[in-house]
Amino acid sequence: MEALISGIKRMEIHDGDGIRTTVFFKGCSLRCIWCHNPESIEYEPQIAYFSPKCIGCGNCAASCPESAVIMEDGHPVFARDRCTGCFACADRCPVNAIEGYGRKWDADALEQYIIQDEPFFRNSDGGVTFSGGECLTQAAFVTEMAKRMYQRGISVDIDTCGYVQKKVFEGIAPYVDTFLYDIKAIDPFVHKQCTGQTNELILSNLRYLSDSGCRIEIRYPLIKKYNDGECDKIGALLRGMPGITRVKVLKYHRLAGSRYAALAMENTLPDTETTDEDVKTAIRILQSHGLRAFTD
């Protein structure tokens, strides 16, 4: 069993309780205009070229078996349609100017990699978080990994947008400690404008998890002039819903712009600023509904 993974970060402290290893899976079922992980949106391997780092050594072009990289004026040019995702160019780059996103991992190899950090998990009440993209679009693999971690006594968190079939949650819920569940908007029109999809399935799955006794931390990405008007509606929905432990307000930033450019993807990041005061206002509104709201 294999999965396509865009990256793995160790010693994370923002993706659940304690120290965690976060595994980012490739592919997402939404197209959020403010996505700060663009390398995890698409379902195929991708090369990212960070030109400011490049020293023009030519190792990338020399190593590509598909001749998908050529040197022009001392810098590589990528024929991305010919790239097969072997990532030889990234592996040969001495200055990390090229990154490969979407490497194949089998379940045994990923398990052995994760459990290297087991002592840190145990000493901090941490564990592993499966994220994305949307990790549950690779449901069979993620469920298998969650089961293996559960059998080892390692905490499992699932970071999800909720836009998957209910049966996926039914299958994985027994092995999960906490669902880190995104709620971006309550108004279906606002949600579709911002993500490309309506939110009926997302809200239905949230109610299912809540009614099933699952532990849920809500993630609310706050984007000024886009979904900041949804805060009171989110509070009203969550108020009294069992299983909601807290609501984390995520402050929007545009730091991912360089990654869109490196991936040769359209930069959809809104040209707006979410201030600290905006975040404080959102927290106060959520708290007025009796919710435990916070930010980093």
C-alpha atoms as a PDB file:
ATOM      1  CA  MET A   1       0.000   0.000   0.000  1.00  0.00           C
ATOM      2  CA  GLU A   2       1.415   3.370  -1.050  1.00  0.00           C
ATOM      3  CA  ALA A   3       0.521   7.029  -0.693  1.00  0.00           C
ATOM      4  CA  LEU A   4       1.668  10.259  -2.275  1.00  0.00           C
ATOM      5  CA  ILE A   5       3.121  12.560   0.379  1.00  0.00           C
ATOM      6  CA  SER A   6       4.157  16.166  -0.139  1.00  0.00           C
ATOM      7  CA  GLY A   7       6.241  16.436   2.999  1.00  0.00           C
ATOM      8  CA  ILE A   8       6.864  15.395   6.606  1.00  0.00           C
ATOM      9  CA  LYS A   9       7.669  17.788   9.437  1.00  0.00           C
ATOM     10  CA  ARG A  10       9.049  16.576  12.745  1.00  0.00           C
ATOM     11  CA  MET A  11       8.955  18.320  16.126  1.00  0.00           C
ATOM     12  CA  GLU A  12       5.797  20.273  15.259  1.00  0.00           C
ATOM     13  CA  ILE A  13       3.888  22.034  18.044  1.00  0.00           C
ATOM     14  CA  HIS A  14       1.004  23.640  16.126  1.00  0.00           C
ATOM     15  CA  ASP A  15      -0.777  20.546  14.772  1.00  0.00           C
ATOM     16  CA  GLY A  16      -2.316  19.128  17.927  1.00  0.00           C
ATOM     17  CA  ASP A  17      -1.215  18.477  21.489  1.00  0.00           C
ATOM     18  CA  GLY A  18       2.425  18.017  22.437  1.00  0.00           C
ATOM     19  CA  ILE A  19       5.300  17.409  20.045  1.00  0.00           C
ATOM     20  CA  ARG A  20       4.080  15.869  16.811  1.00  0.00           C
ATOM     21  CA  THR A  21       5.245  14.527  13.481  1.00  0.00           C
ATOM     22  CA  THR A  22       2.991  15.953  10.780  1.00  0.00           C
ATOM     23  CA  VAL A  23       2.580  14.069   7.504  1.00  0.00           C
ATOM     24  CA  PHE A  24       1.269  16.150   4.613  1.00  0.00           C
ATOM     25  CA  PHE A  25      -0.575  14.154   1.963  1.00  0.00           C
ATOM     26  CA  LYS A  26      -0.825  15.229  -1.669  1.00  0.00           C
ATOM     27  CA  GLY A  27      -4.153  16.319  -3.128  1.00  0.00           C
ATOM     28  CA  CYS A  28      -7.127  18.247  -1.825  1.00  0.00           C
ATOM     29  CA  SER A  29     -10.863  18.101  -2.433  1.00  0.00           C
ATOM     30  CA  LEU A  30     -11.221  21.889  -2.035  1.00  0.00           C
ATOM     31  CA  ARG A  31      -9.579  24.807  -3.834  1.00  0.00           C
ATOM     32  CA  CYS A  32      -9.325  27.450  -1.130  1.00  0.00           C
ATOM     33  CA  ILE A  33      -8.153  30.729  -2.614  1.00  0.00           C
ATOM     34  CA  TRP A  34      -6.029  31.384   0.482  1.00  0.00           C
ATOM     35  CA  CYS A  35      -4.314  27.986   0.588  1.00  0.00           C
ATOM     36  CA  HIS A  36      -0.882  28.276   2.207  1.00  0.00           C
ATOM     37  CA  ASN A  37       0.157  24.727   1.211  1.00  0.00           C
ATOM     38  CA  PRO A  38      -0.090  24.960  -2.605  1.00  0.00           C
ATOM     39  CA  GLU A  39       2.290  22.030  -3.007  1.00  0.00           C
ATOM     40  CA  SER A  40      -0.435  19.814  -1.492  1.00  0.00           C
ATOM     41  CA  ILE A  41      -3.316  20.870  -3.755  1.00  0.00           C
ATOM     42  CA  GLU A  42      -2.729  18.710  -6.829  1.00  0.00           C
ATOM     43  CA  TYR A  43      -2.810  14.915  -6.896  1.00  0.00           C
ATOM     44  CA  GLU A  44       0.409  14.381  -8.834  1.00  0.00           C
ATOM     45  CA  PRO A  45       4.108  14.905  -8.096  1.00  0.00           C
ATOM     46  CA  GLN A  46       5.392  18.458  -8.614  1.00  0.00           C
ATOM     47  CA  ILE A  47       8.718  20.212  -8.849  1.00  0.00           C
ATOM     48  CA  ALA A  48       9.215  23.587  -7.178  1.00  0.00           C
ATOM     49  CA  TYR A  49      12.079  25.783  -8.363  1.00  0.00           C
ATOM     50  CA  PHE A  50      13.206  28.545  -6.005  1.00  0.00           C
ATOM     51  CA  SER A  51      15.280  30.650  -8.365  1.00  0.00           C
ATOM     52  CA  PRO A  52      16.891  32.976  -5.756  1.00  0.00           C
ATOM     53  CA  LYS A  53      18.707  29.960  -4.292  1.00  0.00           C
ATOM     54  CA  CYS A  54      20.010  28.661  -7.604  1.00  0.00           C
ATOM     55  CA  ILE A  55      23.778  28.755  -8.267  1.00  0.00           C
ATOM     56  CA  GLY A  56      23.482  27.541 -11.876  1.00  0.00           C
ATOM     57  CA  CYS A  57      25.562  24.396 -11.399  1.00  0.00           C
ATOM     58  CA  GLY A  58      23.540  22.377 -13.946  1.00  0.00           C
ATOM     59  CA  ASN A  59      23.302  19.228 -11.831  1.00  0.00           C
ATOM     60  CA  CYS A  60      19.533  19.199 -12.281  1.00  0.00           C
ATOM     61  CA  ALA A  61      19.673  19.168 -16.076  1.00  0.00           C
ATOM     62  CA  ALA A  62      22.422  16.545 -16.126  1.00  0.00           C
ATOM     63  CA  SER A  63      20.471  14.224 -13.822  1.00  0.00           C
ATOM     64  CA  CYS A  64      17.021  14.344 -15.454  1.00  0.00           C
ATOM     65  CA  PRO A  65      16.333  11.064 -17.314  1.00  0.00           C
ATOM     66  CA  GLU A  66      13.473  12.648 -19.300  1.00  0.00           C
ATOM     67  CA  SER A  67      15.448  15.707 -20.461  1.00  0.00           C
ATOM     68  CA  ALA A  68      12.751  17.779 -18.801  1.00  0.00           C
ATOM     69  CA  VAL A  69      15.316  20.272 -17.496  1.00  0.00           C
ATOM     70  CA  ILE A  70      17.520  22.374 -19.747  1.00  0.00           C
ATOM     71  CA  MET A  71      19.930  25.170 -18.877  1.00  0.00           C
ATOM     72  CA  GLU A  72      19.330  28.598 -20.369  1.00  0.00           C
ATOM     73  CA  ASP A  73      21.497  31.600 -19.449  1.00  0.00           C
ATOM     74  CA  GLY A  74      22.843  29.744 -16.445  1.00  0.00           C
ATOM     75  CA  HIS A  75      19.460  28.748 -14.985  1.00  0.00           C
ATOM     76  CA  PRO A  76      17.280  25.639 -15.376  1.00  0.00           C
ATOM     77  CA  VAL A  77      14.073  25.721 -17.391  1.00  0.00           C
ATOM     78  CA  PHE A  78      11.548  22.989 -16.623  1.00  0.00           C
ATOM     79  CA  ALA A  79       9.345  21.187 -19.137  1.00  0.00           C
ATOM     80  CA  ARG A  80       6.848  20.232 -16.467  1.00  0.00           C
ATOM     81  CA  ASP A  81       4.674  18.205 -18.820  1.00  0.00           C
ATOM     82  CA  ARG A  82       7.552  15.746 -19.253  1.00  0.00           C
ATOM     83  CA  CYS A  83       8.324  15.428 -15.550  1.00  0.00           C
ATOM     84  CA  THR A  84       7.636  11.929 -14.188  1.00  0.00           C
ATOM     85  CA  GLY A  85       8.235  12.773 -10.550  1.00  0.00           C
ATOM     86  CA  CYS A  86      11.499  10.900 -10.079  1.00  0.00           C
ATOM     87  CA  PHE A  87      12.915  14.021  -8.379  1.00  0.00           C
ATOM     88  CA  ALA A  88      16.463  13.281  -9.499  1.00  0.00           C
ATOM     89  CA  CYS A  89      16.909  17.008 -10.101  1.00  0.00           C
ATOM     90  CA  ALA A  90      15.873  17.864  -6.549  1.00  0.00           C
ATOM     91  CA  ASP A  91      18.064  15.136  -5.080  1.00  0.00           C
ATOM     92  CA  ARG A  92      21.112  16.414  -6.979  1.00  0.00           C
ATOM     93  CA  CYS A  93      20.628  20.096  -6.160  1.00  0.00           C
ATOM     94  CA  PRO A  94      23.343  21.102  -3.660  1.00  0.00           C
ATOM     95  CA  VAL A  95      21.542  24.226  -2.391  1.00  0.00           C
ATOM     96  CA  ASN A  96      17.918  23.022  -2.177  1.00  0.00           C
ATOM     97  CA  ALA A  97      16.808  25.356  -4.963  1.00  0.00           C
ATOM     98  CA  ILE A  98      14.620  22.510  -6.229  1.00  0.00           C
ATOM     99  CA  GLU A  99      12.097  20.676  -4.081  1.00  0.00           C
ATOM    100  CA  GLY A 100      10.113  17.616  -5.054  1.00  0.00           C
ATOM    101  CA  TYR A 101       6.594  17.366  -3.663  1.00  0.00           C
ATOM    102  CA  GLY A 102       4.731  14.095  -3.975  1.00  0.00           C
ATOM    103  CA  ARG A 103       7.033  11.222  -3.108  1.00  0.00           C
ATOM    104  CA  LYS A 104       5.626   7.731  -2.800  1.00  0.00           C
ATOM    105  CA  TRP A 105       5.763   6.117   0.631  1.00  0.00           C
ATOM    106  CA  ASP A 106       4.681   2.631   1.559  1.00  0.00           C
ATOM    107  CA  ALA A 107       3.007   2.007   4.891  1.00  0.00           C
ATOM    108  CA  ASP A 108       5.891   0.051   6.420  1.00  0.00           C
ATOM    109  CA  ALA A 109       8.479   2.713   5.588  1.00  0.00           C
ATOM    110  CA  LEU A 110       6.294   5.535   6.888  1.00  0.00           C
ATOM    111  CA  GLU A 111       5.578   3.664  10.114  1.00  0.00           C
ATOM    112  CA  GLN A 112       9.279   3.115  10.758  1.00  0.00           C
ATOM    113  CA  TYR A 113      10.025   6.764  10.036  1.00  0.00           C
ATOM    114  CA  ILE A 114       7.344   8.045  12.401  1.00  0.00           C
ATOM    115  CA  ILE A 115       8.198   5.806  15.343  1.00  0.00           C
ATOM    116  CA  GLN A 116      11.720   7.245  15.489  1.00  0.00           C
ATOM    117  CA  ASP A 117      10.095  10.127  17.371  1.00  0.00           C
ATOM    118  CA  GLU A 118       8.092   7.953  19.748  1.00  0.00           C
ATOM    119  CA  PRO A 119      10.108   9.035  22.840  1.00  0.00           C
ATOM    120  CA  PHE A 120       9.248  12.676  22.108  1.00  0.00           C
ATOM    121  CA  PHE A 121       5.581  11.786  21.723  1.00  0.00           C
ATOM    122  CA  ARG A 122       5.496   9.997  25.036  1.00  0.00           C
ATOM    123  CA  ASN A 123       7.296  12.734  26.971  1.00  0.00           C
ATOM    124  CA  SER A 124       5.066  15.525  25.635  1.00  0.00           C
ATOM    125  CA  ASP A 125       1.682  13.789  25.194  1.00  0.00           C
ATOM    126  CA  GLY A 126       2.202  14.291  21.460  1.00  0.00           C
ATOM    127  CA  GLY A 127       1.880  11.999  18.476  1.00  0.00           C
ATOM    128  CA  VAL A 128       1.366  12.004  14.729  1.00  0.00           C
ATOM    129  CA  THR A 129      -0.892  14.300  12.724  1.00  0.00           C
ATOM    130  CA  PHE A 130      -2.043  13.412   9.221  1.00  0.00           C
ATOM    131  CA  SER A 131      -2.652  16.549   7.195  1.00  0.00           C
ATOM    132  CA  GLY A 132      -2.570  17.837   3.635  1.00  0.00           C
ATOM    133  CA  GLY A 133      -4.029  18.933   1.284  1.00  0.00           C
ATOM    134  CA  GLU A 134      -6.780  16.651   2.429  1.00  0.00           C
ATOM    135  CA  CYS A 135      -5.250  13.494   3.850  1.00  0.00           C
ATOM    136  CA  LEU A 136      -8.567  11.624   3.759  1.00  0.00           C
ATOM    137  CA  THR A 137      -8.664  11.664  -0.033  1.00  0.00           C
ATOM    138  CA  GLN A 138      -6.114   8.843   0.409  1.00  0.00           C
ATOM    139  CA  ALA A 139      -8.438   7.242   2.931  1.00  0.00           C
ATOM    140  CA  ALA A 140      -7.380   3.587   2.786  1.00  0.00           C
ATOM    141  CA  PHE A 141      -3.729   4.415   3.430  1.00  0.00           C
ATOM    142  CA  VAL A 142      -4.401   6.972   6.165  1.00  0.00           C
ATOM    143  CA  THR A 143      -6.817   4.627   7.931  1.00  0.00           C
ATOM    144  CA  GLU A 144      -4.243   1.852   7.852  1.00  0.00           C
ATOM    145  CA  MET A 145      -1.596   4.181   9.278  1.00  0.00           C
ATOM    146  CA  ALA A 146      -3.973   5.466  11.971  1.00  0.00           C
ATOM    147  CA  LYS A 147      -4.721   1.887  12.982  1.00  0.00           C
ATOM    148  CA  ARG A 148      -1.014   1.033  13.210  1.00  0.00           C
ATOM    149  CA  MET A 149      -0.304   4.089  15.352  1.00  0.00           C
ATOM    150  CA  TYR A 150      -3.311   3.298  17.576  1.00  0.00           C
ATOM    151  CA  GLN A 151      -2.026  -0.240  18.104  1.00  0.00           C
ATOM    152  CA  ARG A 152       1.333   1.215  19.172  1.00  0.00           C
ATOM    153  CA  GLY A 153      -0.341   3.577  21.621  1.00  0.00           C
ATOM    154  CA  ILE A 154       0.636   6.664  19.610  1.00  0.00           C
ATOM    155  CA  SER A 155      -1.806   9.554  19.472  1.00  0.00           C
ATOM    156  CA  VAL A 156      -3.337  10.243  16.045  1.00  0.00           C
ATOM    157  CA  ASP A 157      -4.819  13.562  14.966  1.00  0.00           C
ATOM    158  CA  ILE A 158      -6.504  14.100  11.610  1.00  0.00           C
ATOM    159  CA  ASP A 159      -6.341  17.577  10.066  1.00  0.00           C
ATOM    160  CA  THR A 160      -9.274  17.685   7.651  1.00  0.00           C
ATOM    161  CA  CYS A 161     -11.489  20.035   5.655  1.00  0.00           C
ATOM    162  CA  GLY A 162     -14.315  17.528   6.089  1.00  0.00           C
ATOM    163  CA  TYR A 163     -15.116  17.278   2.382  1.00  0.00           C
ATOM    164  CA  VAL A 164     -15.061  13.473   2.078  1.00  0.00           C
ATOM    165  CA  GLN A 165     -17.731  10.805   2.252  1.00  0.00           C
ATOM    166  CA  LYS A 166     -19.165   9.968   5.670  1.00  0.00           C
ATOM    167  CA  LYS A 167     -17.989   6.357   5.385  1.00  0.00           C
ATOM    168  CA  VAL A 168     -14.384   7.595   5.486  1.00  0.00           C
ATOM    169  CA  PHE A 169     -14.951   9.105   8.932  1.00  0.00           C
ATOM    170  CA  GLU A 170     -16.811   5.985  10.039  1.00  0.00           C
ATOM    171  CA  GLY A 171     -13.765   3.884   9.155  1.00  0.00           C
ATOM    172  CA  ILE A 172     -11.060   6.013  10.734  1.00  0.00           C
ATOM    173  CA  ALA A 173     -12.800   7.499  13.798  1.00  0.00           C
ATOM    174  CA  PRO A 174     -12.011   4.551  16.165  1.00  0.00           C
ATOM    175  CA  TYR A 175      -8.261   5.245  15.809  1.00  0.00           C
ATOM    176  CA  VAL A 176      -8.276   9.036  16.130  1.00  0.00           C
ATOM    177  CA  ASP A 177      -7.714  11.106  19.267  1.00  0.00           C
ATOM    178  CA  THR A 178      -8.648  14.488  17.803  1.00  0.00           C
ATOM    179  CA  PHE A 179     -10.035  15.766  14.536  1.00  0.00           C
ATOM    180  CA  LEU A 180      -8.593  19.176  13.617  1.00  0.00           C
ATOM    181  CA  TYR A 181     -11.619  20.231  11.613  1.00  0.00           C
ATOM    182  CA  ASP A 182     -11.714  23.258   9.328  1.00  0.00           C
ATOM    183  CA  ILE A 183     -14.800  25.447   9.267  1.00  0.00           C
ATOM    184  CA  LYS A 184     -14.297  28.225   6.742  1.00  0.00           C
ATOM    185  CA  ALA A 185     -17.834  29.573   6.366  1.00  0.00           C
ATOM    186  CA  ILE A 186     -21.435  28.737   7.214  1.00  0.00           C
ATOM    187  CA  ASP A 187     -23.065  30.563   4.301  1.00  0.00           C
ATOM    188  CA  PRO A 188     -22.907  28.074   1.382  1.00  0.00           C
ATOM    189  CA  PHE A 189     -22.481  30.883  -1.171  1.00  0.00           C
ATOM    190  CA  VAL A 190     -19.496  32.348   0.697  1.00  0.00           C
ATOM    191  CA  HIS A 191     -18.033  28.879   1.133  1.00  0.00           C
ATOM    192  CA  LYS A 192     -18.290  28.066  -2.566  1.00  0.00           C
ATOM    193  CA  GLN A 193     -16.815  31.407  -3.581  1.00  0.00           C
ATOM    194  CA  CYS A 194     -13.800  30.795  -1.365  1.00  0.00           C
ATOM    195  CA  THR A 195     -13.266  27.040  -1.769  1.00  0.00           C
ATOM    196  CA  GLY A 196     -14.971  25.963  -4.986  1.00  0.00           C
ATOM    197  CA  GLN A 197     -17.454  23.733  -3.136  1.00  0.00           C
ATOM    198  CA  THR A 198     -20.540  24.200  -0.994  1.00  0.00           C
ATOM    199  CA  ASN A 199     -20.409  23.085   2.632  1.00  0.00           C
ATOM    200  CA  GLU A 200     -23.396  20.772   3.159  1.00  0.00           C
ATOM    201  CA  LEU A 201     -21.213  17.659   3.266  1.00  0.00           C
ATOM    202  CA  ILE A 202     -18.687  19.334   5.572  1.00  0.00           C
ATOM    203  CA  LEU A 203     -21.305  20.418   8.103  1.00  0.00           C
ATOM    204  CA  SER A 204     -23.059  17.044   7.925  1.00  0.00           C
ATOM    205  CA  ASN A 205     -19.788  15.230   8.675  1.00  0.00           C
ATOM    206  CA  LEU A 206     -19.086  17.605  11.561  1.00  0.00           C
ATOM    207  CA  ARG A 207     -22.460  16.787  13.120  1.00  0.00           C
ATOM    208  CA  TYR A 208     -21.787  13.077  12.653  1.00  0.00           C
ATOM    209  CA  LEU A 209     -18.407  13.277  14.407  1.00  0.00           C
ATOM    210  CA  SER A 210     -19.852  15.387  17.202  1.00  0.00           C
ATOM    211  CA  ASP A 211     -22.825  13.083  17.748  1.00  0.00           C
ATOM    212  CA  SER A 212     -20.478  10.081  17.715  1.00  0.00           C
ATOM    213  CA  GLY A 213     -18.534  11.389  20.709  1.00  0.00           C
ATOM    214  CA  CYS A 214     -15.383  12.312  18.797  1.00  0.00           C
ATOM    215  CA  ARG A 215     -12.979  14.939  20.128  1.00  0.00           C
ATOM    216  CA  ILE A 216     -12.877  17.912  17.749  1.00  0.00           C
ATOM    217  CA  GLU A 217     -10.796  21.062  17.550  1.00  0.00           C
ATOM    218  CA  ILE A 218     -12.241  23.547  15.069  1.00  0.00           C
ATOM    219  CA  ARG A 219      -9.859  25.497  12.841  1.00  0.00           C
ATOM    220  CA  TYR A 220     -11.216  28.809  11.527  1.00  0.00           C
ATOM    221  CA  PRO A 221      -8.942  30.526   8.976  1.00  0.00           C
ATOM    222  CA  LEU A 222      -9.793  34.224   9.231  1.00  0.00           C
ATOM    223  CA  ILE A 223      -9.463  36.143   5.971  1.00  0.00           C
ATOM    224  CA  LYS A 224     -10.447  39.803   6.159  1.00  0.00           C
ATOM    225  CA  LYS A 225     -13.138  40.812   3.614  1.00  0.00           C
ATOM    226  CA  TYR A 226     -13.754  37.176   2.650  1.00  0.00           C
ATOM    227  CA  ASN A 227     -15.027  35.102   5.569  1.00  0.00           C
ATOM    228  CA  ASP A 228     -14.678  37.387   8.586  1.00  0.00           C
ATOM    229  CA  GLY A 229     -18.443  37.991   8.459  1.00  0.00           C
ATOM    230  CA  GLU A 230     -19.002  34.288   9.176  1.00  0.00           C
ATOM    231  CA  CYS A 231     -17.620  34.355  12.725  1.00  0.00           C
ATOM    232  CA  ASP A 232     -20.911  34.838  14.576  1.00  0.00           C
ATOM    233  CA  LYS A 233     -22.584  32.172  12.415  1.00  0.00           C
ATOM    234  CA  ILE A 234     -19.783  29.734  13.191  1.00  0.00           C
ATOM    235  CA  GLY A 235     -20.173  30.427  16.905  1.00  0.00           C
ATOM    236  CA  ALA A 236     -23.924  29.873  16.725  1.00  0.00           C
ATOM    237  CA  LEU A 237     -23.453  26.532  14.949  1.00  0.00           C
ATOM    238  CA  LEU A 238     -20.828  25.240  17.356  1.00  0.00           C
ATOM    239  CA  ARG A 239     -22.502  26.441  20.546  1.00  0.00           C
ATOM    240  CA  GLY A 240     -23.535  23.443  22.587  1.00  0.00           C
ATOM    241  CA  MET A 241     -22.260  20.951  20.016  1.00  0.00           C
ATOM    242  CA  PRO A 242     -20.756  18.022  21.961  1.00  0.00           C
ATOM    243  CA  GLY A 243     -17.150  17.110  21.322  1.00  0.00           C
ATOM    244  CA  ILE A 244     -15.921  20.610  20.408  1.00  0.00           C
ATOM    245  CA  THR A 245     -12.916  21.158  22.674  1.00  0.00           C
ATOM    246  CA  ARG A 246     -11.865  24.561  21.372  1.00  0.00           C
ATOM    247  CA  VAL A 247     -11.772  26.821  18.305  1.00  0.00           C
ATOM    248  CA  LYS A 248      -8.465  27.972  16.893  1.00  0.00           C
ATOM    249  CA  VAL A 249      -8.540  31.189  14.867  1.00  0.00           C
ATOM    250  CA  LEU A 250      -5.857  31.123  12.183  1.00  0.00           C
ATOM    251  CA  LYS A 251      -4.496  34.484  11.093  1.00  0.00           C
ATOM    252  CA  TYR A 252      -4.236  34.794   7.310  1.00  0.00           C
ATOM    253  CA  HIS A 253      -0.878  35.599   5.731  1.00  0.00           C
ATOM    254  CA  ARG A 254       0.545  35.707   2.196  1.00  0.00           C
ATOM    255  CA  LEU A 255       3.885  34.040   2.929  1.00  0.00           C
ATOM    256  CA  ALA A 256       3.147  31.154   0.547  1.00  0.00           C
ATOM    257  CA  GLY A 257       3.352  33.409  -2.501  1.00  0.00           C
ATOM    258  CA  SER A 258       6.891  32.292  -3.314  1.00  0.00           C
ATOM    259  CA  ARG A 259       5.791  28.658  -3.372  1.00  0.00           C
ATOM    260  CA  TYR A 260       3.058  29.371  -5.922  1.00  0.00           C
ATOM    261  CA  ALA A 261       5.707  30.970  -8.134  1.00  0.00           C
ATOM    262  CA  ALA A 262       8.159  28.107  -7.601  1.00  0.00           C
ATOM    263  CA  LEU A 263       5.482  25.571  -8.558  1.00  0.00           C
ATOM    264  CA  ALA A 264       4.436  27.629 -11.617  1.00  0.00           C
ATOM    265  CA  MET A 265       0.894  27.750 -10.210  1.00  0.00           C
ATOM    266  CA  GLU A 266      -1.533  30.643 -10.331  1.00  0.00           C
ATOM    267  CA  ASN A 267      -1.246  32.645  -7.121  1.00  0.00           C
ATOM    268  CA  THR A 268      -4.800  32.891  -5.775  1.00  0.00           C
ATOM    269  CA  LEU A 269      -3.876  34.407  -2.393  1.00  0.00           C
ATOM    270  CA  PRO A 270      -6.222  37.316  -1.610  1.00  0.00           C
ATOM    271  CA  ASP A 271      -4.614  40.741  -1.439  1.00  0.00           C
ATOM    272  CA  THR A 272      -5.877  41.527   2.040  1.00  0.00           C
ATOM    273  CA  GLU A 273      -4.511  41.780   5.565  1.00  0.00           C
ATOM    274  CA  THR A 274      -5.890  40.118   8.663  1.00  0.00           C
ATOM    275  CA  THR A 275      -4.666  42.081  11.670  1.00  0.00           C
ATOM    276  CA  ASP A 276      -4.106  40.986  15.246  1.00  0.00           C
ATOM    277  CA  GLU A 277      -7.124  43.093  16.198  1.00  0.00           C
ATOM    278  CA  ASP A 278      -9.254  41.205  13.663  1.00  0.00           C
ATOM    279  CA  VAL A 279      -8.217  37.946  15.318  1.00  0.00           C
ATOM    280  CA  LYS A 280      -8.987  39.313  18.790  1.00  0.00           C
ATOM    281  CA  THR A 281     -12.432  40.416  17.620  1.00  0.00           C
ATOM    282  CA  ALA A 282     -13.153  36.964  16.193  1.00  0.00           C
ATOM    283  CA  ILE A 283     -12.052  35.332  19.436  1.00  0.00           C
ATOM    284  CA  ARG A 284     -14.348  37.600  21.465  1.00  0.00           C
ATOM    285  CA  ILE A 285     -17.308  36.741  19.227  1.00  0.00           C
ATOM    286  CA  LEU A 286     -16.650  33.020  19.527  1.00  0.00           C
ATOM    287  CA  GLN A 287     -16.204  33.282  23.269  1.00  0.00           C
ATOM    288  CA  SER A 288     -19.570  35.058  23.510  1.00  0.00           C
ATOM    289  CA  HIS A 289     -21.078  31.768  22.335  1.00  0.00           C
ATOM    290  CA  GLY A 290     -19.447  29.928  25.213  1.00  0.00           C
ATOM    291  CA  LEU A 291     -16.633  28.515  23.104  1.00  0.00           C
ATOM    292  CA  ARG A 292     -13.006  28.179  24.115  1.00  0.00           C
ATOM    293  CA  ALA A 293     -11.387  30.259  21.354  1.00  0.00           C
ATOM    294  CA  PHE A 294      -7.691  31.009  20.956  1.00  0.00           C
ATOM    295  CA  THR A 295      -4.923  31.650  18.448  1.00  0.00           C
ATOM    296  CA  ASP A 296      -1.203  30.915  18.243  1.00  0.00           C
END
